[in-house]
Amino acid sequence: MAPIGRGSLLSLEDYARARNEFRARVMEHKKHRTVHLGANLTLLFEDELTIRYQVQEMLRIERIFEEEAIRDELETYNPLIPDGSNWKATMLLEYPDEEERRRRLAELIGIEDRVWVQVDGCKRVPAIADEDLPREDDVKTSSVHFLRFELSGEMREALRQGAGVLVGVDHPNYRSEVRLSPATRSALAGDLS
């Protein structure tokens, strides 16, 4: 997928007019790109549309209209768009209760390195996590991580032929796996060239 260019972004005024319709379209789109691993871990597999929405929202929230600041946002978010040989996902650890969240994030250090995908008939692909900056320390992990899954040519071809996909996490304190629904598998297969 091509990166988002400056010329394709809406101005703050134009985005304000289009926001409700655009947001509804993106929320519907995300339904087939969201994978829940157990009750507390969610992966949102990003693509050009999900990242475009994130950029437009950041520009709106922070009232950014200066060219240099807009370029900075694009430089921050464009690396989260898959490039045709991989999937990229935002990983969210969700614990609504603050005390439980604090305790669980301390117990889940390293979880971002224990997430994987597996195309049927192929080896597991471990996540490459947080390439932009570390998101954990000796005390706790972050509730948000950015993951990349590099898929071989064999895996991409198997997906084109309709192979299924398992997604999982095997951290000692959090284990879960799920088979992607046909709609999600199809959406993610469309990210690959």
N, C-alpha and C. Protein backbone atom coordinates (compact mmCIF):
# COMPACT_ATOMS: atom_id res chain seq x y z
N MET A 1 0.84 -1.18 0.00
CA MET A 1 0.00 0.00 0.00
C MET A 1 0.88 1.23 0.00
N ALA A 2 0.47 2.21 -0.74
CA ALA A 2 1.23 3.46 -0.81
C ALA A 2 1.03 4.27 0.46
N PRO A 3 2.05 5.02 0.86
CA PRO A 3 1.88 5.90 2.02
C PRO A 3 0.89 7.03 1.71
N ILE A 4 0.38 7.62 2.75
CA ILE A 4 -0.54 8.74 2.61
C ILE A 4 0.28 9.98 2.28
N GLY A 5 -0.08 10.68 1.22
CA GLY A 5 0.62 11.90 0.82
C GLY A 5 -0.08 13.12 1.37
N ARG A 6 0.67 14.18 1.53
CA ARG A 6 0.12 15.43 2.07
C ARG A 6 -1.06 15.92 1.26
N GLY A 7 -0.97 15.84 -0.06
CA GLY A 7 -2.01 16.36 -0.93
C GLY A 7 -3.33 15.61 -0.83
N SER A 8 -3.32 14.40 -0.27
CA SER A 8 -4.56 13.62 -0.18
C SER A 8 -5.32 13.86 1.12
N LEU A 9 -4.75 14.63 2.05
CA LEU A 9 -5.43 14.91 3.31
C LEU A 9 -6.42 16.04 3.15
N LEU A 10 -7.50 15.96 3.89
CA LEU A 10 -8.49 17.03 3.90
C LEU A 10 -8.04 18.15 4.83
N SER A 11 -8.40 19.37 4.47
CA SER A 11 -8.14 20.49 5.39
C SER A 11 -9.00 20.28 6.64
N LEU A 12 -8.70 21.01 7.70
CA LEU A 12 -9.49 20.90 8.93
C LEU A 12 -10.97 21.21 8.66
N GLU A 13 -11.23 22.21 7.85
CA GLU A 13 -12.61 22.60 7.56
C GLU A 13 -13.32 21.51 6.75
N ASP A 14 -12.65 21.00 5.72
CA ASP A 14 -13.26 19.96 4.89
C ASP A 14 -13.48 18.69 5.70
N TYR A 15 -12.51 18.36 6.56
CA TYR A 15 -12.65 17.17 7.39
C TYR A 15 -13.82 17.32 8.36
N ALA A 16 -14.00 18.50 8.92
CA ALA A 16 -15.12 18.73 9.84
C ALA A 16 -16.45 18.44 9.14
N ARG A 17 -16.57 18.82 7.88
CA ARG A 17 -17.80 18.57 7.13
C ARG A 17 -17.98 17.09 6.80
N ALA A 18 -16.90 16.40 6.52
CA ALA A 18 -16.98 15.00 6.08
C ALA A 18 -16.83 13.99 7.22
N ARG A 19 -16.50 14.47 8.40
CA ARG A 19 -16.08 13.58 9.49
C ARG A 19 -17.11 12.51 9.86
N ASN A 20 -18.36 12.86 10.05
CA ASN A 20 -19.34 11.86 10.49
C ASN A 20 -19.47 10.71 9.50
N GLU A 21 -19.57 11.03 8.23
CA GLU A 21 -19.69 9.99 7.21
C GLU A 21 -18.40 9.17 7.10
N PHE A 22 -17.26 9.86 7.13
CA PHE A 22 -15.97 9.17 7.03
C PHE A 22 -15.77 8.26 8.24
N ARG A 23 -16.08 8.76 9.42
CA ARG A 23 -15.92 7.97 10.65
C ARG A 23 -16.79 6.72 10.60
N ALA A 24 -18.04 6.85 10.16
CA ALA A 24 -18.93 5.69 10.06
C ALA A 24 -18.37 4.65 9.10
N ARG A 25 -17.81 5.11 7.98
CA ARG A 25 -17.21 4.19 7.00
C ARG A 25 -16.01 3.46 7.60
N VAL A 26 -15.17 4.19 8.33
CA VAL A 26 -13.98 3.58 8.94
C VAL A 26 -14.37 2.60 10.04
N MET A 27 -15.35 2.93 10.87
CA MET A 27 -15.78 2.02 11.94
C MET A 27 -16.31 0.71 11.34
N GLU A 28 -17.06 0.80 10.26
CA GLU A 28 -17.54 -0.41 9.58
C GLU A 28 -16.37 -1.21 9.02
N HIS A 29 -15.42 -0.52 8.42
CA HIS A 29 -14.22 -1.14 7.85
C HIS A 29 -13.41 -1.87 8.93
N LYS A 30 -13.30 -1.27 10.10
CA LYS A 30 -12.51 -1.85 11.19
C LYS A 30 -13.11 -3.15 11.73
N LYS A 31 -14.39 -3.34 11.55
CA LYS A 31 -15.04 -4.56 12.07
C LYS A 31 -14.36 -5.82 11.52
N HIS A 32 -13.93 -5.78 10.29
CA HIS A 32 -13.31 -6.95 9.67
C HIS A 32 -11.80 -6.95 9.81
N ARG A 33 -11.26 -6.01 10.58
CA ARG A 33 -9.82 -5.91 10.78
C ARG A 33 -9.47 -6.00 12.26
N THR A 34 -10.46 -6.30 13.09
CA THR A 34 -10.28 -6.35 14.53
C THR A 34 -10.35 -7.79 15.00
N VAL A 35 -9.35 -8.19 15.78
CA VAL A 35 -9.27 -9.56 16.29
C VAL A 35 -9.13 -9.49 17.81
N HIS A 36 -10.04 -10.16 18.50
CA HIS A 36 -9.99 -10.22 19.96
C HIS A 36 -9.33 -11.53 20.37
N LEU A 37 -8.26 -11.42 21.13
CA LEU A 37 -7.59 -12.58 21.69
C LEU A 37 -7.92 -12.61 23.18
N GLY A 38 -8.89 -13.38 23.54
CA GLY A 38 -9.36 -13.39 24.91
C GLY A 38 -10.14 -12.12 25.20
N ALA A 39 -10.35 -11.88 26.49
CA ALA A 39 -11.19 -10.77 26.92
C ALA A 39 -10.46 -9.43 26.95
N ASN A 40 -9.12 -9.44 26.94
CA ASN A 40 -8.40 -8.21 27.23
C ASN A 40 -7.36 -7.79 26.20
N LEU A 41 -7.18 -8.53 25.13
CA LEU A 41 -6.19 -8.18 24.12
C LEU A 41 -6.89 -8.07 22.77
N THR A 42 -6.74 -6.92 22.13
CA THR A 42 -7.33 -6.68 20.82
C THR A 42 -6.25 -6.27 19.84
N LEU A 43 -6.30 -6.84 18.65
CA LEU A 43 -5.43 -6.43 17.55
C LEU A 43 -6.28 -5.73 16.51
N LEU A 44 -5.87 -4.54 16.13
CA LEU A 44 -6.50 -3.84 15.01
C LEU A 44 -5.48 -3.86 13.88
N PHE A 45 -5.77 -4.62 12.83
CA PHE A 45 -4.87 -4.71 11.69
C PHE A 45 -5.09 -3.45 10.84
N GLU A 46 -4.02 -2.67 10.74
CA GLU A 46 -4.09 -1.36 10.09
C GLU A 46 -3.97 -1.49 8.58
N ASP A 47 -4.48 -0.49 7.89
CA ASP A 47 -4.28 -0.33 6.46
C ASP A 47 -4.35 1.16 6.14
N GLU A 48 -4.32 1.50 4.88
CA GLU A 48 -4.28 2.91 4.51
C GLU A 48 -5.48 3.67 5.06
N LEU A 49 -6.66 3.08 5.03
CA LEU A 49 -7.87 3.78 5.49
C LEU A 49 -7.85 4.00 7.00
N THR A 50 -7.46 2.98 7.77
CA THR A 50 -7.44 3.14 9.23
C THR A 50 -6.40 4.18 9.65
N ILE A 51 -5.27 4.20 8.96
CA ILE A 51 -4.22 5.17 9.30
C ILE A 51 -4.61 6.56 8.81
N ARG A 52 -5.24 6.65 7.66
CA ARG A 52 -5.72 7.96 7.18
C ARG A 52 -6.68 8.56 8.21
N TYR A 53 -7.57 7.74 8.74
CA TYR A 53 -8.50 8.20 9.76
C TYR A 53 -7.74 8.70 11.00
N GLN A 54 -6.74 7.92 11.43
CA GLN A 54 -5.95 8.31 12.60
C GLN A 54 -5.25 9.65 12.37
N VAL A 55 -4.66 9.83 11.20
CA VAL A 55 -3.98 11.08 10.89
C VAL A 55 -4.97 12.24 10.88
N GLN A 56 -6.09 12.07 10.19
CA GLN A 56 -7.07 13.15 10.13
C GLN A 56 -7.59 13.50 11.52
N GLU A 57 -7.79 12.49 12.36
CA GLU A 57 -8.25 12.74 13.73
C GLU A 57 -7.19 13.49 14.55
N MET A 58 -5.93 13.11 14.38
CA MET A 58 -4.87 13.80 15.13
C MET A 58 -4.77 15.26 14.68
N LEU A 59 -4.87 15.50 13.39
CA LEU A 59 -4.83 16.88 12.90
C LEU A 59 -6.01 17.67 13.48
N ARG A 60 -7.18 17.05 13.53
CA ARG A 60 -8.37 17.72 14.06
C ARG A 60 -8.23 18.00 15.56
N ILE A 61 -7.87 16.98 16.31
CA ILE A 61 -7.80 17.12 17.77
C ILE A 61 -6.75 18.15 18.18
N GLU A 62 -5.60 18.08 17.52
CA GLU A 62 -4.50 18.98 17.88
C GLU A 62 -4.52 20.29 17.09
N ARG A 63 -5.54 20.45 16.24
CA ARG A 63 -5.69 21.68 15.43
C ARG A 63 -4.41 21.97 14.64
N ILE A 64 -3.91 20.95 13.99
CA ILE A 64 -2.67 21.07 13.22
C ILE A 64 -2.99 21.50 11.80
N PHE A 65 -2.38 22.58 11.37
CA PHE A 65 -2.55 23.03 9.99
C PHE A 65 -1.24 23.50 9.37
N GLU A 66 -0.16 23.59 10.16
CA GLU A 66 1.13 23.99 9.62
C GLU A 66 1.73 22.81 8.84
N GLU A 67 2.34 23.12 7.69
CA GLU A 67 2.87 22.08 6.81
C GLU A 67 3.88 21.17 7.50
N GLU A 68 4.80 21.74 8.25
CA GLU A 68 5.82 20.93 8.90
C GLU A 68 5.20 19.97 9.92
N ALA A 69 4.25 20.44 10.67
CA ALA A 69 3.58 19.59 11.67
C ALA A 69 2.77 18.48 10.98
N ILE A 70 2.16 18.79 9.86
CA ILE A 70 1.42 17.77 9.11
C ILE A 70 2.39 16.71 8.59
N ARG A 71 3.52 17.15 8.06
CA ARG A 71 4.54 16.19 7.60
C ARG A 71 5.01 15.30 8.75
N ASP A 72 5.18 15.89 9.94
CA ASP A 72 5.58 15.11 11.12
C ASP A 72 4.55 14.02 11.42
N GLU A 73 3.27 14.35 11.35
CA GLU A 73 2.23 13.35 11.60
C GLU A 73 2.30 12.23 10.57
N LEU A 74 2.49 12.60 9.31
CA LEU A 74 2.60 11.59 8.26
C LEU A 74 3.82 10.70 8.48
N GLU A 75 4.94 11.29 8.88
CA GLU A 75 6.13 10.49 9.15
C GLU A 75 5.93 9.55 10.33
N THR A 76 5.11 9.95 11.28
CA THR A 76 4.81 9.10 12.43
C THR A 76 3.90 7.94 12.05
N TYR A 77 2.86 8.22 11.28
CA TYR A 77 1.83 7.22 11.03
C TYR A 77 2.01 6.39 9.76
N ASN A 78 2.65 6.91 8.72
CA ASN A 78 2.81 6.14 7.50
C ASN A 78 3.52 4.79 7.71
N PRO A 79 4.50 4.68 8.62
CA PRO A 79 5.12 3.37 8.82
C PRO A 79 4.17 2.29 9.34
N LEU A 80 2.97 2.67 9.77
CA LEU A 80 2.01 1.69 10.27
C LEU A 80 1.14 1.10 9.16
N ILE A 81 1.35 1.54 7.93
CA ILE A 81 0.61 1.00 6.78
C ILE A 81 1.39 -0.20 6.24
N PRO A 82 0.73 -1.36 6.07
CA PRO A 82 1.44 -2.52 5.53
C PRO A 82 1.96 -2.25 4.13
N ASP A 83 3.07 -2.92 3.78
CA ASP A 83 3.72 -2.62 2.50
C ASP A 83 3.53 -3.71 1.44
N GLY A 84 2.64 -4.64 1.69
CA GLY A 84 2.38 -5.68 0.70
C GLY A 84 2.96 -7.03 1.05
N SER A 85 3.95 -7.06 1.95
CA SER A 85 4.55 -8.33 2.38
C SER A 85 4.32 -8.57 3.86
N ASN A 86 3.55 -7.68 4.49
CA ASN A 86 3.36 -7.83 5.92
C ASN A 86 1.98 -7.34 6.35
N TRP A 87 1.67 -7.65 7.60
CA TRP A 87 0.51 -7.10 8.27
C TRP A 87 1.05 -6.25 9.41
N LYS A 88 0.39 -5.15 9.68
CA LYS A 88 0.76 -4.30 10.80
C LYS A 88 -0.48 -4.11 11.66
N ALA A 89 -0.27 -4.17 12.96
CA ALA A 89 -1.41 -4.11 13.87
C ALA A 89 -1.10 -3.26 15.09
N THR A 90 -2.13 -2.60 15.56
CA THR A 90 -2.07 -1.94 16.85
C THR A 90 -2.62 -2.93 17.86
N MET A 91 -1.84 -3.21 18.91
CA MET A 91 -2.25 -4.14 19.96
C MET A 91 -2.68 -3.34 21.18
N LEU A 92 -3.87 -3.63 21.67
CA LEU A 92 -4.42 -2.93 22.83
C LEU A 92 -4.65 -3.93 23.96
N LEU A 93 -4.10 -3.63 25.11
CA LEU A 93 -4.39 -4.39 26.33
C LEU A 93 -5.43 -3.58 27.09
N GLU A 94 -6.62 -4.16 27.23
CA GLU A 94 -7.76 -3.40 27.73
C GLU A 94 -8.26 -3.95 29.05
N TYR A 95 -8.05 -3.18 30.10
CA TYR A 95 -8.54 -3.48 31.43
C TYR A 95 -9.22 -2.22 31.96
N PRO A 96 -10.55 -2.18 31.97
CA PRO A 96 -11.27 -0.96 32.37
C PRO A 96 -10.97 -0.51 33.80
N ASP A 97 -10.79 -1.45 34.72
CA ASP A 97 -10.52 -1.09 36.10
C ASP A 97 -9.05 -0.69 36.26
N GLU A 98 -8.80 0.49 36.77
CA GLU A 98 -7.44 1.03 36.85
C GLU A 98 -6.51 0.16 37.70
N GLU A 99 -6.97 -0.34 38.81
CA GLU A 99 -6.13 -1.17 39.68
C GLU A 99 -5.78 -2.49 38.98
N GLU A 100 -6.77 -3.12 38.36
CA GLU A 100 -6.51 -4.36 37.64
C GLU A 100 -5.55 -4.09 36.48
N ARG A 101 -5.74 -2.98 35.77
CA ARG A 101 -4.85 -2.64 34.65
C ARG A 101 -3.41 -2.51 35.13
N ARG A 102 -3.19 -1.81 36.20
CA ARG A 102 -1.84 -1.61 36.74
C ARG A 102 -1.20 -2.97 37.07
N ARG A 103 -1.99 -3.82 37.74
CA ARG A 103 -1.47 -5.14 38.15
C ARG A 103 -1.17 -6.00 36.92
N ARG A 104 -2.11 -6.04 35.97
CA ARG A 104 -1.94 -6.90 34.79
C ARG A 104 -0.81 -6.42 33.88
N LEU A 105 -0.65 -5.11 33.70
CA LEU A 105 0.44 -4.62 32.86
C LEU A 105 1.79 -4.96 33.46
N ALA A 106 1.87 -5.06 34.78
CA ALA A 106 3.11 -5.50 35.43
C ALA A 106 3.34 -6.99 35.18
N GLU A 107 2.28 -7.77 35.11
CA GLU A 107 2.40 -9.22 34.89
C GLU A 107 2.64 -9.58 33.43
N LEU A 108 2.38 -8.66 32.53
CA LEU A 108 2.42 -8.96 31.09
C LEU A 108 3.62 -8.37 30.36
N ILE A 109 4.68 -8.05 31.09
CA ILE A 109 5.89 -7.55 30.43
C ILE A 109 6.34 -8.56 29.36
N GLY A 110 6.61 -8.06 28.18
CA GLY A 110 7.07 -8.92 27.08
C GLY A 110 5.96 -9.52 26.23
N ILE A 111 4.71 -9.25 26.56
CA ILE A 111 3.61 -9.88 25.81
C ILE A 111 3.64 -9.51 24.33
N GLU A 112 4.09 -8.30 24.02
CA GLU A 112 4.11 -7.87 22.62
C GLU A 112 5.02 -8.75 21.76
N ASP A 113 5.97 -9.42 22.37
CA ASP A 113 6.88 -10.31 21.64
C ASP A 113 6.36 -11.74 21.57
N ARG A 114 5.20 -11.98 22.15
CA ARG A 114 4.65 -13.34 22.20
C ARG A 114 3.38 -13.49 21.36
N VAL A 115 3.09 -12.49 20.54
CA VAL A 115 1.93 -12.55 19.65
C VAL A 115 2.41 -13.14 18.31
N TRP A 116 1.57 -13.91 17.66
CA TRP A 116 1.96 -14.58 16.43
C TRP A 116 0.77 -14.73 15.49
N VAL A 117 1.07 -14.97 14.22
CA VAL A 117 0.08 -15.37 13.22
C VAL A 117 0.59 -16.64 12.57
N GLN A 118 -0.34 -17.45 12.08
CA GLN A 118 0.06 -18.68 11.38
C GLN A 118 -0.91 -18.96 10.24
N VAL A 119 -0.38 -18.93 9.04
CA VAL A 119 -1.14 -19.30 7.85
C VAL A 119 -1.17 -20.82 7.81
N ASP A 120 -2.33 -21.40 7.55
CA ASP A 120 -2.45 -22.87 7.51
C ASP A 120 -1.37 -23.47 6.62
N GLY A 121 -0.70 -24.50 7.14
CA GLY A 121 0.34 -25.19 6.40
C GLY A 121 1.71 -24.53 6.46
N CYS A 122 1.83 -23.42 7.19
CA CYS A 122 3.09 -22.69 7.28
C CYS A 122 3.49 -22.53 8.75
N LYS A 123 4.72 -22.08 8.96
CA LYS A 123 5.22 -21.85 10.31
C LYS A 123 4.57 -20.60 10.92
N ARG A 124 4.59 -20.54 12.23
CA ARG A 124 4.15 -19.34 12.93
C ARG A 124 5.07 -18.17 12.61
N VAL A 125 4.48 -17.00 12.56
CA VAL A 125 5.25 -15.77 12.35
C VAL A 125 5.12 -14.94 13.63
N PRO A 126 6.23 -14.76 14.35
CA PRO A 126 6.16 -13.94 15.56
C PRO A 126 6.08 -12.45 15.21
N ALA A 127 5.46 -11.71 16.08
CA ALA A 127 5.37 -10.26 15.90
C ALA A 127 6.74 -9.62 16.09
N ILE A 128 6.99 -8.60 15.30
CA ILE A 128 8.11 -7.69 15.51
C ILE A 128 7.47 -6.46 16.14
N ALA A 129 7.84 -6.17 17.37
CA ALA A 129 7.10 -5.17 18.15
C ALA A 129 7.85 -3.86 18.31
N ASP A 130 7.08 -2.79 18.32
CA ASP A 130 7.54 -1.47 18.75
C ASP A 130 8.86 -1.05 18.12
N GLU A 131 8.89 -1.04 16.79
CA GLU A 131 10.11 -0.68 16.10
C GLU A 131 10.44 0.80 16.23
N ASP A 132 9.44 1.61 16.54
CA ASP A 132 9.68 3.05 16.65
C ASP A 132 10.30 3.44 17.98
N LEU A 133 9.86 2.82 19.08
CA LEU A 133 10.42 3.11 20.40
C LEU A 133 9.93 2.07 21.40
N PRO A 134 10.70 1.84 22.45
CA PRO A 134 10.28 0.87 23.46
C PRO A 134 9.03 1.36 24.18
N ARG A 135 8.15 0.41 24.50
CA ARG A 135 6.91 0.78 25.17
C ARG A 135 6.73 0.04 26.48
N GLU A 136 7.80 -0.45 27.04
CA GLU A 136 7.72 -1.08 28.35
C GLU A 136 9.01 -0.79 29.10
N ASP A 137 8.96 -1.03 30.41
CA ASP A 137 10.15 -0.87 31.23
C ASP A 137 10.23 -2.06 32.18
N ASP A 138 11.05 -1.98 33.20
CA ASP A 138 11.22 -3.10 34.13
C ASP A 138 10.01 -3.31 35.03
N VAL A 139 9.11 -2.34 35.07
CA VAL A 139 7.98 -2.38 35.99
C VAL A 139 6.68 -2.83 35.31
N LYS A 140 6.49 -2.41 34.04
CA LYS A 140 5.23 -2.74 33.37
C LYS A 140 5.39 -2.61 31.85
N THR A 141 4.45 -3.22 31.16
CA THR A 141 4.35 -3.03 29.72
C THR A 141 3.34 -1.93 29.46
N SER A 142 3.30 -1.46 28.24
CA SER A 142 2.34 -0.43 27.84
C SER A 142 1.01 -1.10 27.49
N SER A 143 -0.06 -0.34 27.52
CA SER A 143 -1.35 -0.88 27.09
C SER A 143 -1.50 -0.81 25.57
N VAL A 144 -0.57 -0.15 24.87
CA VAL A 144 -0.61 -0.05 23.41
C VAL A 144 0.76 -0.41 22.84
N HIS A 145 0.75 -1.31 21.84
CA HIS A 145 1.97 -1.69 21.13
C HIS A 145 1.67 -1.71 19.64
N PHE A 146 2.72 -1.56 18.83
CA PHE A 146 2.59 -1.63 17.38
C PHE A 146 3.37 -2.83 16.89
N LEU A 147 2.71 -3.71 16.14
CA LEU A 147 3.28 -4.98 15.72
C LEU A 147 3.34 -5.07 14.20
N ARG A 148 4.36 -5.82 13.74
CA ARG A 148 4.51 -6.12 12.32
C ARG A 148 4.71 -7.62 12.19
N PHE A 149 4.03 -8.22 11.21
CA PHE A 149 4.16 -9.65 10.91
C PHE A 149 4.63 -9.77 9.47
N GLU A 150 5.86 -10.24 9.26
CA GLU A 150 6.41 -10.41 7.92
C GLU A 150 6.01 -11.78 7.38
N LEU A 151 5.36 -11.79 6.23
CA LEU A 151 4.87 -13.02 5.63
C LEU A 151 5.70 -13.38 4.40
N SER A 152 6.10 -14.64 4.32
CA SER A 152 6.90 -15.10 3.19
C SER A 152 6.04 -15.16 1.92
N GLY A 153 6.70 -15.29 0.80
CA GLY A 153 5.99 -15.46 -0.47
C GLY A 153 5.09 -16.68 -0.45
N GLU A 154 5.55 -17.76 0.17
CA GLU A 154 4.75 -18.98 0.29
C GLU A 154 3.48 -18.71 1.09
N MET A 155 3.60 -17.96 2.16
CA MET A 155 2.43 -17.64 2.99
C MET A 155 1.45 -16.76 2.23
N ARG A 156 1.97 -15.78 1.51
CA ARG A 156 1.10 -14.88 0.74
C ARG A 156 0.36 -15.66 -0.35
N GLU A 157 1.05 -16.59 -0.99
CA GLU A 157 0.42 -17.40 -2.02
C GLU A 157 -0.66 -18.30 -1.40
N ALA A 158 -0.37 -18.90 -0.26
CA ALA A 158 -1.37 -19.74 0.42
C ALA A 158 -2.62 -18.92 0.76
N LEU A 159 -2.42 -17.67 1.18
CA LEU A 159 -3.57 -16.81 1.48
C LEU A 159 -4.37 -16.50 0.22
N ARG A 160 -3.68 -16.27 -0.89
CA ARG A 160 -4.38 -16.02 -2.16
C ARG A 160 -5.22 -17.24 -2.56
N GLN A 161 -4.75 -18.42 -2.16
CA GLN A 161 -5.47 -19.66 -2.49
C GLN A 161 -6.55 -19.99 -1.46
N GLY A 162 -6.72 -19.12 -0.44
CA GLY A 162 -7.80 -19.31 0.53
C GLY A 162 -7.41 -19.94 1.85
N ALA A 163 -6.12 -20.08 2.13
CA ALA A 163 -5.69 -20.69 3.39
C ALA A 163 -6.23 -19.90 4.57
N GLY A 164 -6.53 -20.62 5.64
CA GLY A 164 -6.99 -20.00 6.88
C GLY A 164 -5.83 -19.44 7.68
N VAL A 165 -6.16 -18.70 8.73
CA VAL A 165 -5.14 -18.07 9.56
C VAL A 165 -5.53 -18.19 11.03
N LEU A 166 -4.55 -18.59 11.83
CA LEU A 166 -4.67 -18.54 13.28
C LEU A 166 -3.89 -17.33 13.78
N VAL A 167 -4.40 -16.68 14.81
CA VAL A 167 -3.70 -15.60 15.48
C VAL A 167 -3.70 -15.93 16.95
N GLY A 168 -2.56 -15.72 17.61
CA GLY A 168 -2.50 -16.08 19.02
C GLY A 168 -1.47 -15.31 19.79
N VAL A 169 -1.50 -15.57 21.08
CA VAL A 169 -0.52 -15.01 22.02
C VAL A 169 -0.20 -16.12 23.01
N ASP A 170 1.09 -16.29 23.31
CA ASP A 170 1.49 -17.36 24.22
C ASP A 170 2.37 -16.86 25.35
N HIS A 171 2.01 -15.75 25.94
CA HIS A 171 2.70 -15.23 27.12
C HIS A 171 2.35 -16.12 28.31
N PRO A 172 3.30 -16.38 29.23
CA PRO A 172 2.98 -17.24 30.38
C PRO A 172 1.76 -16.78 31.19
N ASN A 173 1.48 -15.49 31.19
CA ASN A 173 0.35 -14.97 31.96
C ASN A 173 -0.86 -14.60 31.12
N TYR A 174 -0.80 -14.92 29.81
CA TYR A 174 -1.94 -14.62 28.94
C TYR A 174 -1.80 -15.47 27.69
N ARG A 175 -2.71 -16.41 27.52
CA ARG A 175 -2.68 -17.28 26.35
C ARG A 175 -4.05 -17.28 25.69
N SER A 176 -4.02 -17.16 24.38
CA SER A 176 -5.27 -17.22 23.62
C SER A 176 -4.92 -17.39 22.15
N GLU A 177 -5.81 -18.03 21.42
CA GLU A 177 -5.67 -18.09 19.97
C GLU A 177 -7.05 -18.15 19.35
N VAL A 178 -7.13 -17.66 18.12
CA VAL A 178 -8.40 -17.61 17.41
C VAL A 178 -8.15 -17.82 15.93
N ARG A 179 -9.08 -18.50 15.28
CA ARG A 179 -9.04 -18.63 13.83
C ARG A 179 -9.78 -17.44 13.25
N LEU A 180 -9.16 -16.77 12.28
CA LEU A 180 -9.79 -15.61 11.68
C LEU A 180 -11.07 -16.01 10.95
N SER A 181 -12.07 -15.17 11.07
CA SER A 181 -13.31 -15.39 10.32
C SER A 181 -13.00 -15.23 8.83
N PRO A 182 -13.83 -15.78 7.97
CA PRO A 182 -13.60 -15.60 6.53
C PRO A 182 -13.53 -14.13 6.12
N ALA A 183 -14.38 -13.28 6.71
CA ALA A 183 -14.37 -11.86 6.36
C ALA A 183 -13.07 -11.19 6.77
N THR A 184 -12.57 -11.51 7.96
CA THR A 184 -11.31 -10.91 8.43
C THR A 184 -10.14 -11.45 7.62
N ARG A 185 -10.13 -12.76 7.38
CA ARG A 185 -9.06 -13.36 6.57
C ARG A 185 -9.02 -12.72 5.19
N SER A 186 -10.16 -12.49 4.59
CA SER A 186 -10.24 -11.88 3.27
C SER A 186 -9.74 -10.44 3.30
N ALA A 187 -10.14 -9.68 4.32
CA ALA A 187 -9.69 -8.29 4.45
C ALA A 187 -8.18 -8.21 4.57
N LEU A 188 -7.60 -9.09 5.38
CA LEU A 188 -6.15 -9.06 5.58
C LEU A 188 -5.40 -9.60 4.36
N ALA A 189 -5.96 -10.58 3.69
CA ALA A 189 -5.32 -11.10 2.48
C ALA A 189 -5.25 -9.99 1.42
N GLY A 190 -6.21 -9.08 1.43
CA GLY A 190 -6.22 -7.98 0.48
C GLY A 190 -5.08 -6.99 0.70
N ASP A 191 -4.43 -7.04 1.86
CA ASP A 191 -3.30 -6.16 2.15
C ASP A 191 -2.01 -6.62 1.50
N LEU A 192 -2.01 -7.83 0.97
CA LEU A 192 -0.78 -8.46 0.48
C LEU A 192 -0.69 -8.39 -1.03
N SER A 193 0.54 -8.21 -1.52
CA SER A 193 0.72 -8.20 -2.99
C SER A 193 1.38 -9.48 -3.44
